[in-house]
Amino acid sequence: MSERILVIEDDPAILKLLQRGLAYEGYLVDTAVDGRSGLLMARDNHPDLVVLDWMLPGMDGLETLKEIKKISPNLPVVIITGHGSIEAAVDATKSGAYDFLEKPLSIDKVMVTISNALNFRKLEEEN
């Protein structure tokens, strides 16, 4: 069975890039353009990993991350942002993010990060 990835991103070009790249790698991909709809998808579709934009309309990435962790504490979440700072990265990791990637994205780096996060989750579940 293929892993299910939820991408929460409001930029249509980045959303399309991630959706195509992940599908090409064999992942099942769900998408949302804001935090609230992303939370509903996380709850209903039980993804194996979430790729989450830090700057979203309405509910921002940090608030969305915290709510996702309430739904599924062990769900890996990879944050992506064009507005990165050390403080934001620290806030994200303290709130449970697996990693924090800055835009412009390298699709290769995104894929390696996702693969590592999924492997880490499998190891945690085995132990």
Protein backbone atom coordinates (compact mmCIF):
# COMPACT_ATOMS: atom_id res chain seq x y z
CA MET A 1 0.00 0.00 0.00
CA SER A 2 1.28 3.46 -0.87
CA GLU A 3 1.71 6.04 1.83
CA ARG A 4 -0.77 8.92 1.88
CA ILE A 5 0.66 12.44 1.98
CA LEU A 6 -1.43 15.50 2.80
CA VAL A 7 -0.10 18.76 1.35
CA ILE A 8 -1.48 21.96 2.89
CA GLU A 9 -0.29 24.86 0.72
CA ASP A 10 -2.05 28.01 -0.54
CA ASP A 11 0.29 28.76 -3.48
CA PRO A 12 -1.17 26.95 -6.53
CA ALA A 13 2.22 26.58 -8.28
CA ILE A 14 3.93 25.01 -5.26
CA LEU A 15 0.90 22.84 -4.55
CA LYS A 16 0.95 21.52 -8.13
CA LEU A 17 4.74 20.93 -8.00
CA LEU A 18 4.45 18.92 -4.77
CA GLN A 19 1.36 17.04 -5.92
CA ARG A 20 3.00 15.97 -9.19
CA GLY A 21 6.35 15.13 -7.59
CA LEU A 22 4.80 13.04 -4.83
CA ALA A 23 2.45 11.24 -7.20
CA TYR A 24 5.41 10.48 -9.50
CA GLU A 25 7.18 8.88 -6.52
CA GLY A 26 4.14 6.66 -5.92
CA TYR A 27 2.52 8.45 -2.98
CA LEU A 28 -1.22 8.99 -2.68
CA VAL A 29 -1.67 12.75 -2.41
CA ASP A 30 -4.43 14.80 -0.79
CA THR A 31 -4.33 18.59 -0.93
CA ALA A 32 -5.78 21.50 0.99
CA VAL A 33 -5.32 25.24 0.51
CA ASP A 34 -5.83 26.35 4.12
CA GLY A 35 -5.37 25.11 7.66
CA ARG A 36 -9.02 24.42 8.45
CA SER A 37 -9.66 22.21 5.42
CA GLY A 38 -6.28 20.57 6.01
CA LEU A 39 -7.31 19.66 9.55
CA LEU A 40 -10.51 18.05 8.28
CA MET A 41 -8.52 16.02 5.75
CA ALA A 42 -5.98 15.01 8.40
CA ARG A 43 -8.79 13.77 10.61
CA ASP A 44 -10.81 12.03 7.89
CA ASN A 45 -8.13 10.66 5.54
CA HIS A 46 -5.49 9.54 8.08
CA PRO A 47 -2.38 10.59 6.14
CA ASP A 48 1.02 9.06 6.84
CA LEU A 49 2.70 12.48 6.62
CA VAL A 50 1.75 16.14 6.22
CA VAL A 51 3.61 18.79 4.24
CA LEU A 52 2.45 22.09 5.73
CA ASP A 53 3.02 25.66 4.57
CA TRP A 54 3.96 28.00 7.44
CA MET A 55 2.11 31.04 6.09
CA LEU A 56 -1.52 30.19 5.38
CA PRO A 57 -4.63 32.37 5.19
CA GLY A 58 -6.79 32.25 8.30
CA MET A 59 -5.25 29.59 10.51
CA ASP A 60 -1.45 29.87 10.19
CA GLY A 61 0.99 26.97 9.99
CA LEU A 62 1.90 26.96 13.68
CA GLU A 63 -1.73 26.81 14.79
CA THR A 64 -2.47 24.14 12.16
CA LEU A 65 0.54 22.11 13.30
CA LYS A 66 -0.60 22.21 16.93
CA GLU A 67 -4.11 21.10 15.96
CA ILE A 68 -2.76 18.28 13.77
CA LYS A 69 -0.67 17.04 16.70
CA LYS A 70 -3.82 16.94 18.85
CA ILE A 71 -5.49 14.71 16.23
CA SER A 72 -2.46 12.49 15.65
CA PRO A 73 0.55 13.09 17.93
CA ASN A 74 2.90 10.75 16.00
CA LEU A 75 2.05 12.06 12.54
CA PRO A 76 5.19 13.50 10.91
CA VAL A 77 4.75 17.07 9.70
CA VAL A 78 7.26 18.74 7.37
CA ILE A 79 6.99 22.53 7.39
CA ILE A 80 7.74 24.51 4.23
CA THR A 81 8.09 28.28 4.18
CA GLY A 82 9.25 31.25 2.19
CA HIS A 83 9.45 33.28 5.39
CA GLY A 84 11.91 31.23 7.37
CA SER A 85 13.66 32.35 10.49
CA ILE A 86 15.48 30.56 13.25
CA GLU A 87 12.70 31.52 15.65
CA ALA A 88 10.04 30.03 13.37
CA ALA A 89 12.05 26.83 12.96
CA VAL A 90 12.44 26.53 16.74
CA ASP A 91 8.70 27.13 17.27
CA ALA A 92 7.88 24.49 14.65
CA THR A 93 10.19 21.86 16.13
CA LYS A 94 9.03 22.56 19.67
CA SER A 95 5.46 22.08 18.45
CA GLY A 96 6.29 18.71 16.90
CA ALA A 97 7.40 19.35 13.32
CA TYR A 98 9.73 16.72 11.88
CA ASP A 99 11.63 19.23 9.72
CA PHE A 100 11.52 22.81 8.45
CA LEU A 101 12.35 23.46 4.77
CA GLU A 102 12.74 26.87 3.16
CA LYS A 103 11.40 27.93 -0.23
CA PRO A 104 12.36 27.90 -3.00
CA LEU A 105 12.02 24.17 -2.58
CA SER A 106 14.37 21.60 -3.97
CA ILE A 107 12.05 18.75 -4.91
CA ASP A 108 14.90 16.31 -4.31
CA LYS A 109 15.40 17.61 -0.76
CA VAL A 110 11.65 17.45 -0.12
CA MET A 111 11.55 13.81 -1.27
CA VAL A 112 14.53 12.83 0.89
CA THR A 113 13.00 14.58 3.91
CA ILE A 114 9.65 12.83 3.37
CA SER A 115 11.31 9.44 2.94
CA ASN A 116 13.36 9.95 6.11
CA ALA A 117 10.30 11.07 8.09
CA LEU A 118 8.26 8.06 6.96
CA ASN A 119 11.12 5.68 7.79
CA PHE A 120 11.51 7.30 11.21
CA ARG A 121 7.79 6.87 11.87
CA LYS A 122 7.96 3.17 10.90
CA LEU A 123 10.87 2.64 13.28
CA GLU A 124 8.99 4.38 16.10
CA GLU A 125 5.93 2.17 15.49
CA GLU A 126 8.07 -1.00 15.53
CA ASN A 127 9.57 -0.06 18.88
